[in-house]
Amino acid sequence: MFAGKDATDDFNDVGHSSSASAMMDEYYIGDIDVSTIPSKVDYTAPKQPQYNQDKTPEFIIKILQFLVPLLILGVAVGIRFYTKST
């Protein structure tokens, strides 16, 4: 998000220990050449699939996937209740 920003001041503001500062010196890679960074990047939104107006078959399938197991469970509980009382 903030690539190319010098985070040294932010690092020091947090109050890291001396061992963390030593690690920062150990892992120091180098400075960024500002002339190689593009000044502006154009954002291109990803292409979205075409919206399908006719989604009724998918909706019916989802409803059936929910209702059929619920119906089977209800019948099983009803049979269990009926056979237990007689």
C-alpha atoms as a PDB file:
ATOM      1  CA  MET A   1       0.000   0.000   0.000  1.00  0.00           C
ATOM      2  CA  PHE A   2       2.765   2.439   0.909  1.00  0.00           C
ATOM      3  CA  ALA A   3       5.565   0.873  -1.086  1.00  0.00           C
ATOM      4  CA  GLY A   4       8.592   3.054  -1.327  1.00  0.00           C
ATOM      5  CA  LYS A   5       7.898   4.943   1.893  1.00  0.00           C
ATOM      6  CA  ASP A   6      10.681   5.255   4.452  1.00  0.00           C
ATOM      7  CA  ALA A   7       9.294   3.637   7.608  1.00  0.00           C
ATOM      8  CA  THR A   8      12.242   4.442   9.864  1.00  0.00           C
ATOM      9  CA  ASP A   9      10.407   7.178  11.774  1.00  0.00           C
ATOM     10  CA  ASP A  10       7.340   4.965  12.206  1.00  0.00           C
ATOM     11  CA  PHE A  11       9.589   2.140  13.418  1.00  0.00           C
ATOM     12  CA  ASN A  12      11.279   4.374  15.967  1.00  0.00           C
ATOM     13  CA  ASP A  13       7.982   5.924  17.160  1.00  0.00           C
ATOM     14  CA  VAL A  14       6.671   2.526  18.219  1.00  0.00           C
ATOM     15  CA  GLY A  15       9.555   2.057  20.638  1.00  0.00           C
ATOM     16  CA  HIS A  16      11.167  -1.157  19.472  1.00  0.00           C
ATOM     17  CA  SER A  17      13.915  -2.756  21.531  1.00  0.00           C
ATOM     18  CA  SER A  18      17.601  -2.495  20.706  1.00  0.00           C
ATOM     19  CA  SER A  19      17.565  -6.079  19.404  1.00  0.00           C
ATOM     20  CA  ALA A  20      14.802  -5.140  16.958  1.00  0.00           C
ATOM     21  CA  SER A  21      16.873  -2.182  15.792  1.00  0.00           C
ATOM     22  CA  ALA A  22      19.845  -4.509  15.308  1.00  0.00           C
ATOM     23  CA  MET A  23      17.648  -6.845  13.263  1.00  0.00           C
ATOM     24  CA  MET A  24      16.525  -3.893  11.148  1.00  0.00           C
ATOM     25  CA  ASP A  25      20.165  -3.082  10.402  1.00  0.00           C
ATOM     26  CA  GLU A  26      20.848  -6.755   9.635  1.00  0.00           C
ATOM     27  CA  TYR A  27      17.965  -7.060   7.152  1.00  0.00           C
ATOM     28  CA  TYR A  28      18.547  -3.680   5.478  1.00  0.00           C
ATOM     29  CA  ILE A  29      18.511  -4.258   1.727  1.00  0.00           C
ATOM     30  CA  GLY A  30      19.036  -0.843   0.224  1.00  0.00           C
ATOM     31  CA  ASP A  31      17.474   2.405  -0.898  1.00  0.00           C
ATOM     32  CA  ILE A  32      14.784   2.713  -3.540  1.00  0.00           C
ATOM     33  CA  ASP A  33      15.666   4.512  -6.737  1.00  0.00           C
ATOM     34  CA  VAL A  34      12.787   6.978  -6.927  1.00  0.00           C
ATOM     35  CA  SER A  35      13.321   7.574 -10.644  1.00  0.00           C
ATOM     36  CA  THR A  36      12.250   3.984 -11.435  1.00  0.00           C
ATOM     37  CA  ILE A  37       8.909   4.245  -9.624  1.00  0.00           C
ATOM     38  CA  PRO A  38       5.995   5.058 -11.949  1.00  0.00           C
ATOM     39  CA  SER A  39       4.401   8.343 -10.985  1.00  0.00           C
ATOM     40  CA  LYS A  40       0.813   7.276 -11.602  1.00  0.00           C
ATOM     41  CA  VAL A  41      -0.751   3.869 -12.009  1.00  0.00           C
ATOM     42  CA  ASP A  42      -4.072   3.621 -13.825  1.00  0.00           C
ATOM     43  CA  TYR A  43      -6.530   1.356 -12.060  1.00  0.00           C
ATOM     44  CA  THR A  44      -8.476  -0.971 -14.293  1.00  0.00           C
ATOM     45  CA  ALA A  45     -11.466  -2.639 -12.694  1.00  0.00           C
ATOM     46  CA  PRO A  46     -11.677  -6.395 -13.201  1.00  0.00           C
ATOM     47  CA  LYS A  47     -14.211  -7.554 -15.744  1.00  0.00           C
ATOM     48  CA  GLN A  48     -17.318  -8.932 -14.128  1.00  0.00           C
ATOM     49  CA  PRO A  49     -19.374 -11.698 -15.681  1.00  0.00           C
ATOM     50  CA  GLN A  50     -22.587 -10.734 -17.413  1.00  0.00           C
ATOM     51  CA  TYR A  51     -25.562 -10.733 -15.042  1.00  0.00           C
ATOM     52  CA  ASN A  52     -28.045 -13.482 -15.824  1.00  0.00           C
ATOM     53  CA  GLN A  53     -31.611 -12.199 -15.465  1.00  0.00           C
ATOM     54  CA  ASP A  54     -33.074 -15.713 -15.501  1.00  0.00           C
ATOM     55  CA  LYS A  55     -31.810 -17.230 -12.259  1.00  0.00           C
ATOM     56  CA  THR A  56     -35.044 -18.990 -11.332  1.00  0.00           C
ATOM     57  CA  PRO A  57     -33.768 -22.556 -11.963  1.00  0.00           C
ATOM     58  CA  GLU A  58     -30.788 -21.963  -9.668  1.00  0.00           C
ATOM     59  CA  PHE A  59     -33.091 -20.457  -7.042  1.00  0.00           C
ATOM     60  CA  ILE A  60     -35.466 -23.432  -7.197  1.00  0.00           C
ATOM     61  CA  ILE A  61     -32.573 -25.872  -6.847  1.00  0.00           C
ATOM     62  CA  LYS A  62     -31.271 -24.036  -3.779  1.00  0.00           C
ATOM     63  CA  ILE A  63     -34.725 -24.016  -2.196  1.00  0.00           C
ATOM     64  CA  LEU A  64     -35.152 -27.731  -2.877  1.00  0.00           C
ATOM     65  CA  GLN A  65     -31.717 -28.502  -1.438  1.00  0.00           C
ATOM     66  CA  PHE A  66     -32.909 -26.870   1.772  1.00  0.00           C
ATOM     67  CA  LEU A  67     -36.520 -28.070   1.887  1.00  0.00           C
ATOM     68  CA  VAL A  68     -36.123 -31.745   0.897  1.00  0.00           C
ATOM     69  CA  PRO A  69     -33.788 -32.644   3.809  1.00  0.00           C
ATOM     70  CA  LEU A  70     -36.001 -30.599   6.123  1.00  0.00           C
ATOM     71  CA  LEU A  71     -39.052 -32.509   4.906  1.00  0.00           C
ATOM     72  CA  ILE A  72     -37.285 -35.861   5.379  1.00  0.00           C
ATOM     73  CA  LEU A  73     -36.294 -34.849   8.904  1.00  0.00           C
ATOM     74  CA  GLY A  74     -39.855 -33.767   9.667  1.00  0.00           C
ATOM     75  CA  VAL A  75     -41.281 -37.070   8.395  1.00  0.00           C
ATOM     76  CA  ALA A  76     -38.720 -39.028  10.441  1.00  0.00           C
ATOM     77  CA  VAL A  77     -39.566 -37.088  13.608  1.00  0.00           C
ATOM     78  CA  GLY A  78     -43.289 -37.528  12.921  1.00  0.00           C
ATOM     79  CA  ILE A  79     -42.934 -41.282  12.438  1.00  0.00           C
ATOM     80  CA  ARG A  80     -40.814 -41.542  15.579  1.00  0.00           C
ATOM     81  CA  PHE A  81     -43.392 -39.566  17.575  1.00  0.00           C
ATOM     82  CA  TYR A  82     -46.322 -41.573  16.165  1.00  0.00           C
ATOM     83  CA  THR A  83     -44.747 -45.000  16.767  1.00  0.00           C
ATOM     84  CA  LYS A  84     -43.604 -44.063  20.270  1.00  0.00           C
ATOM     85  CA  SER A  85     -47.073 -43.007  21.454  1.00  0.00           C
ATOM     86  CA  THR A  86     -48.871 -46.161  20.269  1.00  0.00           C
END
